[in-house]
Amino acid sequence: MISQRAKYALRALTALAQAHPHEPMMISEIARQQSIPKKFLEQILLDLKRSGMVVSRRGKQGGYLLLKPANEISFGEVLRLVDGPIAPLPCLSQTAYRKCEDCDGEHLCEIRHVFARVADASRDVLFNTTIADAVAGAGSTHMPVRELMTA
């Protein structure tokens, strides 16, 4: 499961993607619109700012704007930033690989073979679905997750 923090980050990014392109949204407006606790949202937006996804403007007309276009921000990128590795097993992680402590050999591990398929399917959906796709309601042009899991 993804964390509440990741859900809030994705919701904040979709709110920014739906806003007028050159008009910043105030934290309080995003928080109210998306039902996100303001203090929690402040920390999330700081992380998104450090990663180069959003930018903030100070002053009376200040607030947050997307720095990267919504069609260049993938769900996978956001999840990895907020929650860390997205692989179901440490031996399948692309960014934080670790050998499983109880493993005699990855090439013989039946569990790893099954979850490798799960990880590949999940990565395909997450890294090929953008904030713009979510806003458009179209999702990705890939097979629905249910079909991926039975393929």
Protein backbone atom coordinates (compact mmCIF):
# COMPACT_ATOMS: atom_id res chain seq x y z
CA MET A 1 0.00 0.00 0.00
CA ILE A 2 1.12 3.54 -0.58
CA SER A 3 1.41 5.91 2.35
CA GLN A 4 -1.04 8.68 3.14
CA ARG A 5 1.85 11.08 2.47
CA ALA A 6 2.16 9.71 -1.09
CA LYS A 7 -1.60 10.04 -1.65
CA TYR A 8 -1.46 13.64 -0.49
CA ALA A 9 1.53 14.37 -2.73
CA LEU A 10 -0.29 12.95 -5.75
CA ARG A 11 -3.45 14.89 -4.89
CA ALA A 12 -1.50 18.13 -4.45
CA LEU A 13 0.19 17.63 -7.82
CA THR A 14 -3.13 16.95 -9.54
CA ALA A 15 -4.58 20.11 -7.98
CA LEU A 16 -1.61 22.11 -9.30
CA ALA A 17 -1.98 20.49 -12.72
CA GLN A 18 -5.63 21.57 -12.85
CA ALA A 19 -4.89 25.16 -11.78
CA HIS A 20 -4.30 28.00 -14.21
CA PRO A 21 -0.77 27.51 -15.59
CA HIS A 22 0.74 30.80 -14.44
CA GLU A 23 -1.32 31.41 -11.31
CA PRO A 24 0.22 29.95 -8.14
CA MET A 25 -1.99 28.10 -5.69
CA MET A 26 -1.66 28.89 -2.01
CA ILE A 27 -1.05 26.02 0.39
CA SER A 28 -4.30 26.80 2.19
CA GLU A 29 -6.23 26.57 -1.10
CA ILE A 30 -4.68 23.19 -2.01
CA ALA A 31 -5.23 21.91 1.54
CA ARG A 32 -8.88 22.95 1.55
CA GLN A 33 -9.60 21.71 -1.98
CA GLN A 34 -7.92 18.33 -1.44
CA SER A 35 -8.76 17.83 2.27
CA ILE A 36 -5.09 17.65 3.26
CA PRO A 37 -3.89 18.88 6.67
CA LYS A 38 -2.06 22.16 5.97
CA LYS A 39 1.03 21.43 8.12
CA PHE A 40 1.45 18.03 6.49
CA LEU A 41 1.02 19.58 3.03
CA GLU A 42 3.73 22.16 3.74
CA GLN A 43 6.28 19.39 4.33
CA ILE A 44 5.17 17.47 1.26
CA LEU A 45 5.42 20.54 -0.97
CA LEU A 46 8.92 21.23 0.36
CA ASP A 47 9.97 17.73 -0.69
CA LEU A 48 8.38 18.20 -4.11
CA LYS A 49 10.14 21.55 -4.42
CA ARG A 50 13.54 20.04 -3.54
CA SER A 51 12.99 17.36 -6.19
CA GLY A 52 12.26 19.96 -8.88
CA MET A 53 8.60 19.10 -9.44
CA VAL A 54 7.15 22.34 -8.06
CA VAL A 55 8.32 25.88 -7.44
CA SER A 56 7.11 28.40 -4.89
CA ARG A 57 6.58 32.13 -5.26
CA ARG A 58 6.54 34.53 -2.36
CA GLY A 59 4.38 37.56 -1.83
CA LYS A 60 0.78 38.54 -2.18
CA GLN A 61 0.39 36.60 -5.44
CA GLY A 62 2.52 33.74 -4.11
CA GLY A 63 1.94 30.05 -3.85
CA TYR A 64 3.00 26.90 -5.66
CA LEU A 65 3.20 26.05 -9.35
CA LEU A 66 4.28 22.94 -11.22
CA LEU A 67 7.88 23.36 -12.31
CA LYS A 68 7.81 20.24 -14.47
CA PRO A 69 4.93 19.76 -16.89
CA ALA A 70 2.25 17.40 -15.56
CA ASN A 71 2.89 15.03 -18.46
CA GLU A 72 6.50 14.63 -17.27
CA ILE A 73 5.69 13.70 -13.65
CA SER A 74 5.01 9.99 -13.31
CA PHE A 75 3.23 8.32 -10.44
CA GLY A 76 6.29 6.10 -9.99
CA GLU A 77 8.59 9.10 -9.64
CA VAL A 78 6.35 10.61 -6.95
CA LEU A 79 5.93 7.33 -5.06
CA ARG A 80 9.67 6.66 -5.09
CA LEU A 81 10.38 10.20 -3.87
CA VAL A 82 7.83 10.11 -1.06
CA ASP A 83 7.79 6.45 0.02
CA GLY A 84 11.19 5.22 -1.13
CA PRO A 85 11.74 1.97 -3.05
CA ILE A 86 8.61 0.60 -4.67
CA ALA A 87 9.72 -2.99 -5.21
CA PRO A 88 7.90 -5.67 -3.18
CA LEU A 89 11.22 -7.37 -2.24
CA PRO A 90 14.58 -5.76 -1.49
CA CYS A 91 16.29 -7.98 -4.09
CA LEU A 92 14.06 -6.48 -6.80
CA SER A 93 14.65 -2.83 -5.99
CA GLN A 94 16.20 -0.72 -8.74
CA THR A 95 17.27 2.03 -6.34
CA ALA A 96 17.90 0.26 -3.02
CA TYR A 97 18.90 -3.30 -3.93
CA ARG A 98 19.74 -5.66 -1.05
CA LYS A 99 20.08 -9.40 -1.04
CA CYS A 100 17.41 -11.06 1.10
CA GLU A 101 18.96 -12.35 4.32
CA ASP A 102 17.41 -15.81 4.03
CA CYS A 103 18.21 -16.30 0.34
CA ASP A 104 20.42 -19.11 -0.95
CA GLY A 105 20.44 -17.71 -4.47
CA GLU A 106 18.25 -15.28 -6.37
CA HIS A 107 18.22 -17.39 -9.52
CA LEU A 108 16.65 -20.30 -7.55
CA CYS A 109 14.12 -18.26 -5.56
CA GLU A 110 10.57 -19.08 -6.66
CA ILE A 111 9.18 -16.18 -4.64
CA ARG A 112 11.50 -13.70 -6.36
CA HIS A 113 10.50 -14.98 -9.82
CA VAL A 114 6.80 -14.36 -9.16
CA PHE A 115 7.31 -10.97 -7.53
CA ALA A 116 9.68 -9.90 -10.31
CA ARG A 117 6.70 -10.12 -12.67
CA VAL A 118 4.57 -8.14 -10.22
CA ALA A 119 7.29 -5.51 -9.85
CA ASP A 120 7.74 -5.20 -13.62
CA ALA A 121 3.98 -4.81 -14.20
CA SER A 122 3.69 -2.26 -11.38
CA ARG A 123 6.64 -0.24 -12.64
CA ASP A 124 5.21 -0.27 -16.14
CA VAL A 125 1.93 1.24 -14.94
CA LEU A 126 3.43 3.64 -12.39
CA PHE A 127 6.21 5.03 -14.57
CA ASN A 128 4.03 5.30 -17.68
CA THR A 129 1.12 7.05 -15.97
CA THR A 130 1.57 10.76 -15.39
CA ILE A 131 -0.18 13.42 -13.37
CA ALA A 132 -1.60 14.69 -16.68
CA ASP A 133 -3.05 11.23 -17.37
CA ALA A 134 -4.72 11.21 -13.96
CA VAL A 135 -6.15 14.69 -14.48
CA ALA A 136 -7.46 13.71 -17.90
CA GLY A 137 -8.98 10.58 -16.38
CA ALA A 138 -7.46 8.55 -19.16
CA GLY A 139 -4.78 6.72 -17.19
CA SER A 140 -2.09 5.22 -19.35
CA THR A 141 -2.46 3.73 -22.80
CA HIS A 142 -1.27 0.44 -21.31
CA MET A 143 -3.44 -2.53 -20.38
CA PRO A 144 -5.54 -2.11 -17.23
CA VAL A 145 -3.84 -3.52 -14.14
CA ARG A 146 -6.33 -6.42 -13.96
CA GLU A 147 -5.31 -7.50 -17.48
CA LEU A 148 -1.61 -7.09 -16.67
CA MET A 149 -1.97 -9.37 -13.67
CA THR A 150 -3.63 -12.11 -15.72
CA ALA A 151 -1.32 -11.77 -18.73
